[in-house]
Amino acid sequence: MTTSNAQVSVRILDKEYQVACASEERTDLLDSAEILNSKMLEIRNSGRVVGLDRIAVMAALNMANDLLHAQARDRLIEGDLSGRLKSISDRVENALGTSQQLDF
């Protein structure tokens, strides 16, 4: 299976960047660039951080923090879901065991 590459132009803080990516990832890249641009604009407009490099680092740190929080929520949800599925499975097995005992 061959994937074709696309050259995608993204604009971040009024600067154009050419990025190569797999054609099927083009939309995700554009969405990611839009999120990054928005976060960097927010930081720049706050007036507390000066310089493109510092704004980029602050945006990256904020986004990494958001990712860590999302991963922690996913682990909690996954653990809760696993517990519920185990409970349902046990109840089904108990119900089937009771049903099989009645058949004899």
PDB file of N, CA and C in Angstrom:
ATOM      1  N   MET A   1       0.838  -1.167   0.000  1.00  0.00           N
ATOM      2  CA  MET A   1       0.000   0.000   0.000  1.00  0.00           C
ATOM      3  C   MET A   1       0.890   1.239   0.000  1.00  0.00           C
ATOM      4  N   THR A   2       0.788   2.047  -1.011  1.00  0.00           N
ATOM      5  CA  THR A   2       1.597   3.247  -1.142  1.00  0.00           C
ATOM      6  C   THR A   2       0.768   4.465  -0.775  1.00  0.00           C
ATOM      7  N   THR A   3       1.361   5.304   0.036  1.00  0.00           N
ATOM      8  CA  THR A   3       0.676   6.547   0.382  1.00  0.00           C
ATOM      9  C   THR A   3       1.365   7.683  -0.362  1.00  0.00           C
ATOM     10  N   SER A   4       0.577   8.556  -0.932  1.00  0.00           N
ATOM     11  CA  SER A   4       1.156   9.700  -1.627  1.00  0.00           C
ATOM     12  C   SER A   4       1.323  10.847  -0.642  1.00  0.00           C
ATOM     13  N   ASN A   5       2.364  11.624  -0.891  1.00  0.00           N
ATOM     14  CA  ASN A   5       2.636  12.766  -0.023  1.00  0.00           C
ATOM     15  C   ASN A   5       2.048  14.028  -0.618  1.00  0.00           C
ATOM     16  N   ALA A   6       1.638  14.923   0.263  1.00  0.00           N
ATOM     17  CA  ALA A   6       1.102  16.211  -0.163  1.00  0.00           C
ATOM     18  C   ALA A   6       1.951  17.306   0.451  1.00  0.00           C
ATOM     19  N   GLN A   7       2.137  18.371  -0.274  1.00  0.00           N
ATOM     20  CA  GLN A   7       2.811  19.561   0.237  1.00  0.00           C
ATOM     21  C   GLN A   7       1.700  20.495   0.701  1.00  0.00           C
ATOM     22  N   VAL A   8       1.671  20.795   1.988  1.00  0.00           N
ATOM     23  CA  VAL A   8       0.592  21.588   2.566  1.00  0.00           C
ATOM     24  C   VAL A   8       1.168  22.906   3.076  1.00  0.00           C
ATOM     25  N   SER A   9       0.472  23.981   2.782  1.00  0.00           N
ATOM     26  CA  SER A   9       0.863  25.302   3.249  1.00  0.00           C
ATOM     27  C   SER A   9       0.007  25.655   4.457  1.00  0.00           C
ATOM     28  N   VAL A  10       0.674  25.975   5.573  1.00  0.00           N
ATOM     29  CA  VAL A  10      -0.041  26.379   6.775  1.00  0.00           C
ATOM     30  C   VAL A  10       0.456  27.760   7.191  1.00  0.00           C
ATOM     31  N   ARG A  11      -0.417  28.522   7.803  1.00  0.00           N
ATOM     32  CA  ARG A  11      -0.068  29.869   8.271  1.00  0.00           C
ATOM     33  C   ARG A  11      -0.182  29.880   9.792  1.00  0.00           C
ATOM     34  N   ILE A  12       0.953  30.234  10.410  1.00  0.00           N
ATOM     35  CA  ILE A  12       1.008  30.314  11.865  1.00  0.00           C
ATOM     36  C   ILE A  12       1.632  31.658  12.223  1.00  0.00           C
ATOM     37  N   LEU A  13       0.895  32.459  12.961  1.00  0.00           N
ATOM     38  CA  LEU A  13       1.320  33.807  13.344  1.00  0.00           C
ATOM     39  C   LEU A  13       1.835  34.594  12.142  1.00  0.00           C
ATOM     40  N   ASP A  14       1.014  34.618  11.110  1.00  0.00           N
ATOM     41  CA  ASP A  14       1.278  35.394   9.904  1.00  0.00           C
ATOM     42  C   ASP A  14       2.503  34.928   9.119  1.00  0.00           C
ATOM     43  N   LYS A  15       2.995  33.741   9.369  1.00  0.00           N
ATOM     44  CA  LYS A  15       4.102  33.182   8.598  1.00  0.00           C
ATOM     45  C   LYS A  15       3.620  31.917   7.899  1.00  0.00           C
ATOM     46  N   GLU A  16       4.021  31.771   6.633  1.00  0.00           N
ATOM     47  CA  GLU A  16       3.669  30.585   5.852  1.00  0.00           C
ATOM     48  C   GLU A  16       4.725  29.503   6.065  1.00  0.00           C
ATOM     49  N   TYR A  17       4.267  28.287   6.238  1.00  0.00           N
ATOM     50  CA  TYR A  17       5.152  27.131   6.359  1.00  0.00           C
ATOM     51  C   TYR A  17       4.678  26.071   5.373  1.00  0.00           C
ATOM     52  N   GLN A  18       5.618  25.461   4.657  1.00  0.00           N
ATOM     53  CA  GLN A  18       5.322  24.351   3.769  1.00  0.00           C
ATOM     54  C   GLN A  18       5.661  23.072   4.526  1.00  0.00           C
ATOM     55  N   VAL A  19       4.690  22.179   4.613  1.00  0.00           N
ATOM     56  CA  VAL A  19       4.869  20.938   5.363  1.00  0.00           C
ATOM     57  C   VAL A  19       4.471  19.769   4.479  1.00  0.00           C
ATOM     58  N   ALA A  20       5.306  18.748   4.445  1.00  0.00           N
ATOM     59  CA  ALA A  20       4.978  17.532   3.698  1.00  0.00           C
ATOM     60  C   ALA A  20       4.293  16.552   4.639  1.00  0.00           C
ATOM     61  N   CYS A  21       3.247  15.929   4.141  1.00  0.00           N
ATOM     62  CA  CYS A  21       2.566  14.918   4.945  1.00  0.00           C
ATOM     63  C   CYS A  21       1.874  13.945   3.996  1.00  0.00           C
ATOM     64  N   ALA A  22       1.461  12.803   4.530  1.00  0.00           N
ATOM     65  CA  ALA A  22       0.697  11.842   3.745  1.00  0.00           C
ATOM     66  C   ALA A  22      -0.634  12.493   3.358  1.00  0.00           C
ATOM     67  N   SER A  23      -1.067  12.229   2.139  1.00  0.00           N
ATOM     68  CA  SER A  23      -2.290  12.861   1.632  1.00  0.00           C
ATOM     69  C   SER A  23      -3.476  12.652   2.556  1.00  0.00           C
ATOM     70  N   GLU A  24      -3.581  11.471   3.138  1.00  0.00           N
ATOM     71  CA  GLU A  24      -4.736  11.192   3.999  1.00  0.00           C
ATOM     72  C   GLU A  24      -4.651  11.908   5.346  1.00  0.00           C
ATOM     73  N   GLU A  25      -3.499  12.500   5.662  1.00  0.00           N
ATOM     74  CA  GLU A  25      -3.343  13.235   6.918  1.00  0.00           C
ATOM     75  C   GLU A  25      -3.435  14.747   6.722  1.00  0.00           C
ATOM     76  N   ARG A  26      -3.738  15.185   5.509  1.00  0.00           N
ATOM     77  CA  ARG A  26      -3.774  16.619   5.184  1.00  0.00           C
ATOM     78  C   ARG A  26      -4.758  17.383   6.075  1.00  0.00           C
ATOM     79  N   THR A  27      -5.964  16.873   6.208  1.00  0.00           N
ATOM     80  CA  THR A  27      -6.983  17.547   7.018  1.00  0.00           C
ATOM     81  C   THR A  27      -6.556  17.640   8.476  1.00  0.00           C
ATOM     82  N   ASP A  28      -5.986  16.561   9.002  1.00  0.00           N
ATOM     83  CA  ASP A  28      -5.519  16.585  10.394  1.00  0.00           C
ATOM     84  C   ASP A  28      -4.396  17.603  10.580  1.00  0.00           C
ATOM     85  N   LEU A  29      -3.500  17.694   9.594  1.00  0.00           N
ATOM     86  CA  LEU A  29      -2.423  18.674   9.672  1.00  0.00           C
ATOM     87  C   LEU A  29      -2.981  20.093   9.678  1.00  0.00           C
ATOM     88  N   LEU A  30      -3.921  20.372   8.803  1.00  0.00           N
ATOM     89  CA  LEU A  30      -4.520  21.707   8.760  1.00  0.00           C
ATOM     90  C   LEU A  30      -5.242  22.033  10.063  1.00  0.00           C
ATOM     91  N   ASP A  31      -5.966  21.058  10.605  1.00  0.00           N
ATOM     92  CA  ASP A  31      -6.653  21.266  11.890  1.00  0.00           C
ATOM     93  C   ASP A  31      -5.643  21.513  13.013  1.00  0.00           C
ATOM     94  N   SER A  32      -4.542  20.758  13.010  1.00  0.00           N
ATOM     95  CA  SER A  32      -3.502  20.924  14.024  1.00  0.00           C
ATOM     96  C   SER A  32      -2.867  22.303  13.928  1.00  0.00           C
ATOM     97  N   ALA A  33      -2.592  22.739  12.708  1.00  0.00           N
ATOM     98  CA  ALA A  33      -1.999  24.059  12.507  1.00  0.00           C
ATOM     99  C   ALA A  33      -2.944  25.153  12.985  1.00  0.00           C
ATOM    100  N   GLU A  34      -4.227  24.957  12.761  1.00  0.00           N
ATOM    101  CA  GLU A  34      -5.212  25.948  13.213  1.00  0.00           C
ATOM    102  C   GLU A  34      -5.246  26.035  14.740  1.00  0.00           C
ATOM    103  N   ILE A  35      -5.183  24.888  15.404  1.00  0.00           N
ATOM    104  CA  ILE A  35      -5.163  24.865  16.869  1.00  0.00           C
ATOM    105  C   ILE A  35      -3.893  25.537  17.384  1.00  0.00           C
ATOM    106  N   LEU A  36      -2.752  25.207  16.775  1.00  0.00           N
ATOM    107  CA  LEU A  36      -1.487  25.807  17.188  1.00  0.00           C
ATOM    108  C   LEU A  36      -1.499  27.317  16.976  1.00  0.00           C
ATOM    109  N   ASN A  37      -1.967  27.742  15.818  1.00  0.00           N
ATOM    110  CA  ASN A  37      -2.036  29.173  15.534  1.00  0.00           C
ATOM    111  C   ASN A  37      -2.917  29.889  16.560  1.00  0.00           C
ATOM    112  N   SER A  38      -4.042  29.301  16.873  1.00  0.00           N
ATOM    113  CA  SER A  38      -4.953  29.898  17.849  1.00  0.00           C
ATOM    114  C   SER A  38      -4.296  30.023  19.217  1.00  0.00           C
ATOM    115  N   LYS A  39      -3.620  28.958  19.639  1.00  0.00           N
ATOM    116  CA  LYS A  39      -2.949  28.970  20.951  1.00  0.00           C
ATOM    117  C   LYS A  39      -1.834  30.014  20.971  1.00  0.00           C
ATOM    118  N   MET A  40      -1.071  30.104  19.873  1.00  0.00           N
ATOM    119  CA  MET A  40       0.030  31.072  19.819  1.00  0.00           C
ATOM    120  C   MET A  40      -0.492  32.510  19.774  1.00  0.00           C
ATOM    121  N   LEU A  41      -1.588  32.735  19.053  1.00  0.00           N
ATOM    122  CA  LEU A  41      -2.199  34.057  19.034  1.00  0.00           C
ATOM    123  C   LEU A  41      -2.668  34.463  20.429  1.00  0.00           C
ATOM    124  N   GLU A  42      -3.278  33.526  21.119  1.00  0.00           N
ATOM    125  CA  GLU A  42      -3.762  33.780  22.486  1.00  0.00           C
ATOM    126  C   GLU A  42      -2.604  34.199  23.389  1.00  0.00           C
ATOM    127  N   ILE A  43      -1.482  33.493  23.281  1.00  0.00           N
ATOM    128  CA  ILE A  43      -0.316  33.799  24.112  1.00  0.00           C
ATOM    129  C   ILE A  43       0.283  35.145  23.713  1.00  0.00           C
ATOM    130  N   ARG A  44       0.416  35.379  22.404  1.00  0.00           N
ATOM    131  CA  ARG A  44       0.977  36.651  21.935  1.00  0.00           C
ATOM    132  C   ARG A  44       0.100  37.820  22.369  1.00  0.00           C
ATOM    133  N   ASN A  45      -1.220  37.668  22.241  1.00  0.00           N
ATOM    134  CA  ASN A  45      -2.144  38.747  22.569  1.00  0.00           C
ATOM    135  C   ASN A  45      -2.242  39.018  24.066  1.00  0.00           C
ATOM    136  N   SER A  46      -1.811  38.058  24.877  1.00  0.00           N
ATOM    137  CA  SER A  46      -1.814  38.285  26.331  1.00  0.00           C
ATOM    138  C   SER A  46      -0.772  39.335  26.711  1.00  0.00           C
ATOM    139  N   GLY A  47       0.241  39.508  25.844  1.00  0.00           N
ATOM    140  CA  GLY A  47       1.266  40.511  26.097  1.00  0.00           C
ATOM    141  C   GLY A  47       2.302  40.115  27.122  1.00  0.00           C
ATOM    142  N   ARG A  48       2.173  38.933  27.695  1.00  0.00           N
ATOM    143  CA  ARG A  48       3.108  38.512  28.736  1.00  0.00           C
ATOM    144  C   ARG A  48       4.339  37.806  28.186  1.00  0.00           C
ATOM    145  N   VAL A  49       4.256  37.327  26.928  1.00  0.00           N
ATOM    146  CA  VAL A  49       5.373  36.597  26.332  1.00  0.00           C
ATOM    147  C   VAL A  49       5.753  37.300  25.039  1.00  0.00           C
ATOM    148  N   VAL A  50       7.053  37.579  24.883  1.00  0.00           N
ATOM    149  CA  VAL A  50       7.544  38.281  23.704  1.00  0.00           C
ATOM    150  C   VAL A  50       8.506  37.373  22.951  1.00  0.00           C
ATOM    151  N   GLY A  51       8.413  37.387  21.644  1.00  0.00           N
ATOM    152  CA  GLY A  51       9.321  36.609  20.805  1.00  0.00           C
ATOM    153  C   GLY A  51       8.666  35.341  20.316  1.00  0.00           C
ATOM    154  N   LEU A  52       8.843  35.081  19.025  1.00  0.00           N
ATOM    155  CA  LEU A  52       8.214  33.917  18.396  1.00  0.00           C
ATOM    156  C   LEU A  52       8.644  32.604  19.046  1.00  0.00           C
ATOM    157  N   ASP A  53       9.945  32.480  19.348  1.00  0.00           N
ATOM    158  CA  ASP A  53      10.437  31.241  19.965  1.00  0.00           C
ATOM    159  C   ASP A  53       9.781  30.993  21.319  1.00  0.00           C
ATOM    160  N   ARG A  54       9.692  32.023  22.119  1.00  0.00           N
ATOM    161  CA  ARG A  54       9.092  31.875  23.459  1.00  0.00           C
ATOM    162  C   ARG A  54       7.597  31.586  23.364  1.00  0.00           C
ATOM    163  N   ILE A  55       6.935  32.240  22.425  1.00  0.00           N
ATOM    164  CA  ILE A  55       5.508  31.976  22.222  1.00  0.00           C
ATOM    165  C   ILE A  55       5.301  30.531  21.798  1.00  0.00           C
ATOM    166  N   ALA A  56       6.156  30.046  20.887  1.00  0.00           N
ATOM    167  CA  ALA A  56       6.043  28.655  20.423  1.00  0.00           C
ATOM    168  C   ALA A  56       6.282  27.669  21.560  1.00  0.00           C
ATOM    169  N   VAL A  57       7.284  27.944  22.392  1.00  0.00           N
ATOM    170  CA  VAL A  57       7.576  27.059  23.528  1.00  0.00           C
ATOM    171  C   VAL A  57       6.411  27.062  24.520  1.00  0.00           C
ATOM    172  N   MET A  58       5.865  28.231  24.828  1.00  0.00           N
ATOM    173  CA  MET A  58       4.732  28.301  25.756  1.00  0.00           C
ATOM    174  C   MET A  58       3.520  27.561  25.191  1.00  0.00           C
ATOM    175  N   ALA A  59       3.273  27.727  23.889  1.00  0.00           N
ATOM    176  CA  ALA A  59       2.152  27.010  23.261  1.00  0.00           C
ATOM    177  C   ALA A  59       2.381  25.509  23.336  1.00  0.00           C
ATOM    178  N   ALA A  60       3.605  25.073  23.060  1.00  0.00           N
ATOM    179  CA  ALA A  60       3.918  23.637  23.121  1.00  0.00           C
ATOM    180  C   ALA A  60       3.736  23.100  24.539  1.00  0.00           C
ATOM    181  N   LEU A  61       4.191  23.852  25.525  1.00  0.00           N
ATOM    182  CA  LEU A  61       4.024  23.417  26.921  1.00  0.00           C
ATOM    183  C   LEU A  61       2.549  23.340  27.309  1.00  0.00           C
ATOM    184  N   ASN A  62       1.773  24.346  26.915  1.00  0.00           N
ATOM    185  CA  ASN A  62       0.337  24.324  27.214  1.00  0.00           C
ATOM    186  C   ASN A  62      -0.354  23.145  26.544  1.00  0.00           C
ATOM    187  N   MET A  63       0.001  22.884  25.290  1.00  0.00           N
ATOM    188  CA  MET A  63      -0.634  21.783  24.561  1.00  0.00           C
ATOM    189  C   MET A  63      -0.191  20.426  25.120  1.00  0.00           C
ATOM    190  N   ALA A  64       1.086  20.313  25.534  1.00  0.00           N
ATOM    191  CA  ALA A  64       1.556  19.072  26.152  1.00  0.00           C
ATOM    192  C   ALA A  64       0.828  18.828  27.475  1.00  0.00           C
ATOM    193  N   ASN A  65       0.607  19.893  28.239  1.00  0.00           N
ATOM    194  CA  ASN A  65      -0.138  19.782  29.489  1.00  0.00           C
ATOM    195  C   ASN A  65      -1.572  19.334  29.228  1.00  0.00           C
ATOM    196  N   ASP A  66      -2.202  19.916  28.205  1.00  0.00           N
ATOM    197  CA  ASP A  66      -3.558  19.499  27.829  1.00  0.00           C
ATOM    198  C   ASP A  66      -3.584  18.023  27.458  1.00  0.00           C
ATOM    199  N   LEU A  67      -2.558  17.581  26.720  1.00  0.00           N
ATOM    200  CA  LEU A  67      -2.477  16.173  26.315  1.00  0.00           C
ATOM    201  C   LEU A  67      -2.348  15.260  27.528  1.00  0.00           C
ATOM    202  N   LEU A  68      -1.499  15.638  28.478  1.00  0.00           N
ATOM    203  CA  LEU A  68      -1.338  14.828  29.696  1.00  0.00           C
ATOM    204  C   LEU A  68      -2.646  14.715  30.468  1.00  0.00           C
ATOM    205  N   HIS A  69      -3.382  15.814  30.578  1.00  0.00           N
ATOM    206  CA  HIS A  69      -4.675  15.776  31.273  1.00  0.00           C
ATOM    207  C   HIS A  69      -5.673  14.892  30.521  1.00  0.00           C
ATOM    208  N   ALA A  70      -5.680  14.972  29.200  1.00  0.00           N
ATOM    209  CA  ALA A  70      -6.589  14.136  28.399  1.00  0.00           C
ATOM    210  C   ALA A  70      -6.234  12.658  28.548  1.00  0.00           C
ATOM    211  N   GLN A  71      -4.940  12.348  28.572  1.00  0.00           N
ATOM    212  CA  GLN A  71      -4.523  10.956  28.747  1.00  0.00           C
ATOM    213  C   GLN A  71      -4.915  10.430  30.123  1.00  0.00           C
ATOM    214  N   ALA A  72      -4.791  11.257  31.140  1.00  0.00           N
ATOM    215  CA  ALA A  72      -5.186  10.845  32.497  1.00  0.00           C
ATOM    216  C   ALA A  72      -6.690  10.581  32.546  1.00  0.00           C
ATOM    217  N   ARG A  73      -7.480  11.470  31.902  1.00  0.00           N
ATOM    218  CA  ARG A  73      -8.940  11.251  31.857  1.00  0.00           C
ATOM    219  C   ARG A  73      -9.263   9.951  31.119  1.00  0.00           C
ATOM    220  N   ASP A  74      -8.545   9.692  30.025  1.00  0.00           N
ATOM    221  CA  ASP A  74      -8.775   8.464  29.267  1.00  0.00           C
ATOM    222  C   ASP A  74      -8.485   7.230  30.116  1.00  0.00           C
ATOM    223  N   ARG A  75      -7.403   7.284  30.898  1.00  0.00           N
ATOM    224  CA  ARG A  75      -7.071   6.139  31.763  1.00  0.00           C
ATOM    225  C   ARG A  75      -8.160   5.919  32.810  1.00  0.00           C
ATOM    226  N   LEU A  76      -8.682   7.012  33.379  1.00  0.00           N
ATOM    227  CA  LEU A  76      -9.755   6.886  34.367  1.00  0.00           C
ATOM    228  C   LEU A  76     -11.007   6.288  33.738  1.00  0.00           C
ATOM    229  N   ILE A  77     -11.356   6.789  32.563  1.00  0.00           N
ATOM    230  CA  ILE A  77     -12.543   6.284  31.866  1.00  0.00           C
ATOM    231  C   ILE A  77     -12.348   4.824  31.490  1.00  0.00           C
ATOM    232  N   GLU A  78     -11.153   4.489  31.006  1.00  0.00           N
ATOM    233  CA  GLU A  78     -10.866   3.110  30.614  1.00  0.00           C
ATOM    234  C   GLU A  78     -10.957   2.171  31.805  1.00  0.00           C
ATOM    235  N   GLY A  79     -10.422   2.610  32.957  1.00  0.00           N
ATOM    236  CA  GLY A  79     -10.493   1.794  34.161  1.00  0.00           C
ATOM    237  C   GLY A  79     -11.925   1.602  34.616  1.00  0.00           C
ATOM    238  N   ASP A  80     -12.707   2.674  34.585  1.00  0.00           N
ATOM    239  CA  ASP A  80     -14.115   2.598  34.976  1.00  0.00           C
ATOM    240  C   ASP A  80     -14.882   1.683  34.034  1.00  0.00           C
ATOM    241  N   LEU A  81     -14.614   1.818  32.752  1.00  0.00           N
ATOM    242  CA  LEU A  81     -15.292   1.006  31.748  1.00  0.00           C
ATOM    243  C   LEU A  81     -14.929  -0.467  31.908  1.00  0.00           C
ATOM    244  N   SER A  82     -13.648  -0.746  32.182  1.00  0.00           N
ATOM    245  CA  SER A  82     -13.223  -2.134  32.383  1.00  0.00           C
ATOM    246  C   SER A  82     -13.941  -2.750  33.579  1.00  0.00           C
ATOM    247  N   GLY A  83     -14.052  -1.974  34.650  1.00  0.00           N
ATOM    248  CA  GLY A  83     -14.752  -2.470  35.836  1.00  0.00           C
ATOM    249  C   GLY A  83     -16.218  -2.750  35.554  1.00  0.00           C
ATOM    250  N   ARG A  84     -16.862  -1.870  34.828  1.00  0.00           N
ATOM    251  CA  ARG A  84     -18.278  -2.071  34.491  1.00  0.00           C
ATOM    252  C   ARG A  84     -18.462  -3.282  33.586  1.00  0.00           C
ATOM    253  N   LEU A  85     -17.572  -3.428  32.593  1.00  0.00           N
ATOM    254  CA  LEU A  85     -17.675  -4.583  31.691  1.00  0.00           C
ATOM    255  C   LEU A  85     -17.466  -5.890  32.447  1.00  0.00           C
ATOM    256  N   LYS A  86     -16.530  -5.897  33.399  1.00  0.00           N
ATOM    257  CA  LYS A  86     -16.292  -7.091  34.220  1.00  0.00           C
ATOM    258  C   LYS A  86     -17.533  -7.408  35.036  1.00  0.00           C
ATOM    259  N   SER A  87     -18.159  -6.393  35.608  1.00  0.00           N
ATOM    260  CA  SER A  87     -19.364  -6.584  36.397  1.00  0.00           C
ATOM    261  C   SER A  87     -20.496  -7.149  35.535  1.00  0.00           C
ATOM    262  N   ILE A  88     -20.673  -6.587  34.363  1.00  0.00           N
ATOM    263  CA  ILE A  88     -21.724  -7.080  33.445  1.00  0.00           C
ATOM    264  C   ILE A  88     -21.429  -8.507  33.033  1.00  0.00           C
ATOM    265  N   SER A  89     -20.175  -8.799  32.714  1.00  0.00           N
ATOM    266  CA  SER A  89     -19.783 -10.148  32.313  1.00  0.00           C
ATOM    267  C   SER A  89     -20.063 -11.154  33.429  1.00  0.00           C
ATOM    268  N   ASP A  90     -19.731 -10.774  34.668  1.00  0.00           N
ATOM    269  CA  ASP A  90     -19.988 -11.654  35.815  1.00  0.00           C
ATOM    270  C   ASP A  90     -21.484 -11.906  35.984  1.00  0.00           C
ATOM    271  N   ARG A  91     -22.294 -10.851  35.816  1.00  0.00           N
ATOM    272  CA  ARG A  91     -23.737 -11.001  35.953  1.00  0.00           C
ATOM    273  C   ARG A  91     -24.303 -11.898  34.865  1.00  0.00           C
ATOM    274  N   VAL A  92     -23.795 -11.748  33.641  1.00  0.00           N
ATOM    275  CA  VAL A  92     -24.255 -12.597  32.536  1.00  0.00           C
ATOM    276  C   VAL A  92     -23.868 -14.048  32.802  1.00  0.00           C
ATOM    277  N   GLU A  93     -22.624 -14.266  33.236  1.00  0.00           N
ATOM    278  CA  GLU A  93     -22.180 -15.629  33.537  1.00  0.00           C
ATOM    279  C   GLU A  93     -23.013 -16.240  34.656  1.00  0.00           C
ATOM    280  N   ASN A  94     -23.337 -15.451  35.685  1.00  0.00           N
ATOM    281  CA  ASN A  94     -24.180 -15.953  36.783  1.00  0.00           C
ATOM    282  C   ASN A  94     -25.576 -16.291  36.279  1.00  0.00           C
ATOM    283  N   ALA A  95     -26.124 -15.430  35.428  1.00  0.00           N
ATOM    284  CA  ALA A  95     -27.457 -15.676  34.887  1.00  0.00           C
ATOM    285  C   ALA A  95     -27.455 -16.921  34.005  1.00  0.00           C
ATOM    286  N   LEU A  96     -26.422 -17.084  33.189  1.00  0.00           N
ATOM    287  CA  LEU A  96     -26.330 -18.271  32.339  1.00  0.00           C
ATOM    288  C   LEU A  96     -26.129 -19.524  33.171  1.00  0.00           C
ATOM    289  N   GLY A  97     -25.353 -19.424  34.248  1.00  0.00           N
ATOM    290  CA  GLY A  97     -25.135 -20.572  35.133  1.00  0.00           C
ATOM    291  C   GLY A  97     -26.442 -20.966  35.792  1.00  0.00           C
ATOM    292  N   THR A  98     -27.228 -20.015  36.227  1.00  0.00           N
ATOM    293  CA  THR A  98     -28.524 -20.288  36.838  1.00  0.00           C
ATOM    294  C   THR A  98     -29.450 -20.917  35.812  1.00  0.00           C
ATOM    295  N   SER A  99     -29.420 -20.400  34.594  1.00  0.00           N
ATOM    296  CA  SER A  99     -30.283 -20.921  33.519  1.00  0.00           C
ATOM    297  C   SER A  99     -29.912 -22.351  33.186  1.00  0.00           C
ATOM    298  N   GLN A 100     -28.637 -22.659  33.141  1.00  0.00           N
ATOM    299  CA  GLN A 100     -28.196 -24.022  32.823  1.00  0.00           C
ATOM    300  C   GLN A 100     -28.576 -24.980  33.937  1.00  0.00           C
ATOM    301  N   GLN A 101     -28.532 -24.525  35.182  1.00  0.00           N
ATOM    302  CA  GLN A 101     -28.924 -25.384  36.305  1.00  0.00           C
ATOM    303  C   GLN A 101     -30.404 -25.707  36.230  1.00  0.00           C
ATOM    304  N   LEU A 102     -31.237 -24.797  35.765  1.00  0.00           N
ATOM    305  CA  LEU A 102     -32.672 -25.017  35.670  1.00  0.00           C
ATOM    306  C   LEU A 102     -33.005 -25.992  34.536  1.00  0.00           C
ATOM    307  N   ASP A 103     -32.176 -26.032  33.489  1.00  0.00           N
ATOM    308  CA  ASP A 103     -32.414 -26.914  32.352  1.00  0.00           C
ATOM    309  C   ASP A 103     -32.251 -28.386  32.696  1.00  0.00           C
ATOM    310  N   PHE A 104     -31.510 -28.712  33.707  1.00  0.00           N
ATOM    311  CA  PHE A 104     -31.250 -30.120  34.014  1.00  0.00           C
ATOM    312  C   PHE A 104     -32.318 -30.694  34.835  1.00  0.00           C
TER     313      PHE A 104
END
